Amino acid sequence: MKTAVIEINPDWKAALKAGAKGMRQAAKSGRVQQFTFSYASPELLFSEISPKRWGVLEAMNGAGEMSLRELARRLERDVKSVHRDVHALLATGLLEKTESGKIVCPFDKVRVDFTLEQAA
């Protein structure tokens, strides 16, 4: 199962180390199971993955290959705005384009992982 983990991690060094550790584990096992997408702040995360873009991810998750027009129809949104959101998600790696030009979510599961703690 391929899992995308979206996290808020202001410590870029720790995120880089965790990513390297995951790559080493994948190299040993011969398969990659988890991909981590780290954002330095909640503002950055929510600017990249807005509620509308989250809706795109929800619609694409497990749906297989889909055309942009079909996705817009399922979301009941105009093609132009869906196109903009899809291209933003393609840039992050949360969606991919197939050889036939259709869109696909390459993950079986997408998890958002962050904690809000009381300031010390």
Protein backbone atom coordinates (compact mmCIF):
# COMPACT_ATOMS: atom_id res chain seq x y z
CA MET A 1 0.00 0.00 0.00
CA LYS A 2 1.39 3.40 -1.03
CA THR A 3 0.65 6.09 1.54
CA ALA A 4 1.11 9.84 1.23
CA VAL A 5 1.71 11.57 4.56
CA ILE A 6 1.22 15.33 4.60
CA GLU A 7 2.81 16.96 7.62
CA ILE A 8 3.70 20.32 9.11
CA ASN A 9 7.33 20.30 10.17
CA PRO A 10 9.08 23.64 10.67
CA ASP A 11 12.35 21.77 11.24
CA TRP A 12 13.48 21.17 7.65
CA LYS A 13 16.58 19.31 8.82
CA ALA A 14 14.47 16.75 10.69
CA ALA A 15 12.18 16.38 7.67
CA LEU A 16 15.19 15.80 5.43
CA LYS A 17 16.61 13.18 7.82
CA ALA A 18 13.25 11.41 8.02
CA GLY A 19 13.02 11.37 4.22
CA ALA A 20 16.52 9.92 3.92
CA LYS A 21 15.66 7.26 6.49
CA GLY A 22 12.55 6.31 4.52
CA MET A 23 14.56 6.04 1.32
CA ARG A 24 17.10 3.76 3.02
CA GLN A 25 14.31 1.52 4.31
CA ALA A 26 12.74 1.43 0.85
CA ALA A 27 16.07 0.48 -0.70
CA LYS A 28 16.47 -2.39 1.79
CA SER A 29 12.95 -3.72 1.32
CA GLY A 30 12.84 -3.11 -2.42
CA ARG A 31 9.62 -1.12 -2.26
CA VAL A 32 8.49 2.31 -1.17
CA GLN A 33 5.45 2.36 1.08
CA GLN A 34 5.28 5.92 2.39
CA PHE A 35 5.92 9.29 0.81
CA THR A 36 6.09 12.33 3.10
CA PHE A 37 5.15 15.82 2.01
CA SER A 38 6.43 18.30 4.61
CA TYR A 39 5.35 21.91 4.95
CA ALA A 40 7.14 24.42 7.17
CA SER A 41 3.95 26.05 8.49
CA PRO A 42 0.18 25.63 8.53
CA GLU A 43 -0.12 28.68 6.30
CA LEU A 44 2.06 27.08 3.64
CA LEU A 45 0.19 23.77 3.87
CA PHE A 46 -3.22 25.43 3.56
CA SER A 47 -2.06 27.64 0.68
CA GLU A 48 -0.88 24.56 -1.23
CA ILE A 49 -3.73 22.22 -0.28
CA SER A 50 -6.88 24.32 -0.05
CA PRO A 51 -10.31 22.82 0.71
CA LYS A 52 -11.05 22.70 -3.04
CA ARG A 53 -7.75 20.88 -3.70
CA TRP A 54 -8.51 18.47 -0.87
CA GLY A 55 -11.80 17.79 -2.65
CA VAL A 56 -9.84 16.95 -5.80
CA LEU A 57 -7.70 14.50 -3.80
CA GLU A 58 -10.81 12.91 -2.30
CA ALA A 59 -12.39 12.48 -5.72
CA MET A 60 -9.21 11.06 -7.25
CA ASN A 61 -8.24 8.71 -4.43
CA GLY A 62 -9.01 5.18 -5.59
CA ALA A 63 -10.79 6.39 -8.73
CA GLY A 64 -8.09 5.33 -11.18
CA GLU A 65 -7.24 7.35 -14.28
CA MET A 66 -9.58 10.21 -15.02
CA SER A 67 -9.80 13.04 -17.52
CA LEU A 68 -9.85 16.63 -16.31
CA ARG A 69 -13.35 17.10 -17.70
CA GLU A 70 -14.66 14.00 -15.92
CA LEU A 71 -13.11 15.18 -12.65
CA ALA A 72 -14.72 18.62 -13.05
CA ARG A 73 -18.07 16.95 -13.76
CA ARG A 74 -17.82 14.77 -10.64
CA LEU A 75 -16.85 17.76 -8.50
CA GLU A 76 -19.57 19.92 -10.09
CA ARG A 77 -16.99 22.66 -10.72
CA ASP A 78 -15.85 24.48 -13.84
CA VAL A 79 -13.01 22.93 -15.82
CA LYS A 80 -10.75 25.99 -15.59
CA SER A 81 -10.65 26.08 -11.78
CA VAL A 82 -10.25 22.28 -11.54
CA HIS A 83 -7.41 22.54 -14.08
CA ARG A 84 -5.65 25.10 -11.85
CA ASP A 85 -6.06 22.91 -8.75
CA VAL A 86 -4.96 19.73 -10.53
CA HIS A 87 -1.81 21.40 -11.82
CA ALA A 88 -0.96 22.62 -8.31
CA LEU A 89 -1.36 19.05 -7.01
CA LEU A 90 0.67 17.67 -9.91
CA ALA A 91 3.47 20.08 -8.94
CA THR A 92 3.47 18.76 -5.37
CA GLY A 93 3.48 15.12 -6.49
CA LEU A 94 0.15 14.23 -4.89
CA LEU A 95 -1.30 13.61 -8.36
CA GLU A 96 0.39 12.27 -11.48
CA LYS A 97 -0.31 12.41 -15.19
CA THR A 98 -0.45 9.14 -17.11
CA GLU A 99 1.07 8.55 -20.54
CA SER A 100 -2.41 8.98 -22.02
CA GLY A 101 -2.66 12.44 -20.42
CA LYS A 102 -5.18 11.48 -17.77
CA ILE A 103 -4.80 12.22 -14.06
CA VAL A 104 -4.31 9.64 -11.33
CA CYS A 105 -3.70 9.63 -7.59
CA PRO A 106 -0.78 7.23 -7.13
CA PHE A 107 -1.54 6.66 -3.45
CA ASP A 108 -3.85 4.16 -1.79
CA LYS A 109 -4.14 6.38 1.26
CA VAL A 110 -3.48 10.06 2.01
CA ARG A 111 -2.91 10.97 5.65
CA VAL A 112 -2.52 14.43 7.17
CA ASP A 113 -0.39 14.39 10.30
CA PHE A 114 0.20 17.42 12.51
CA THR A 115 -0.13 18.34 16.14
CA LEU A 116 -1.08 21.62 17.79
CA GLU A 117 0.71 21.94 21.15
CA GLN A 118 0.40 24.50 23.88
CA ALA A 119 3.25 27.00 23.80
CA ALA A 120 5.80 26.51 26.58
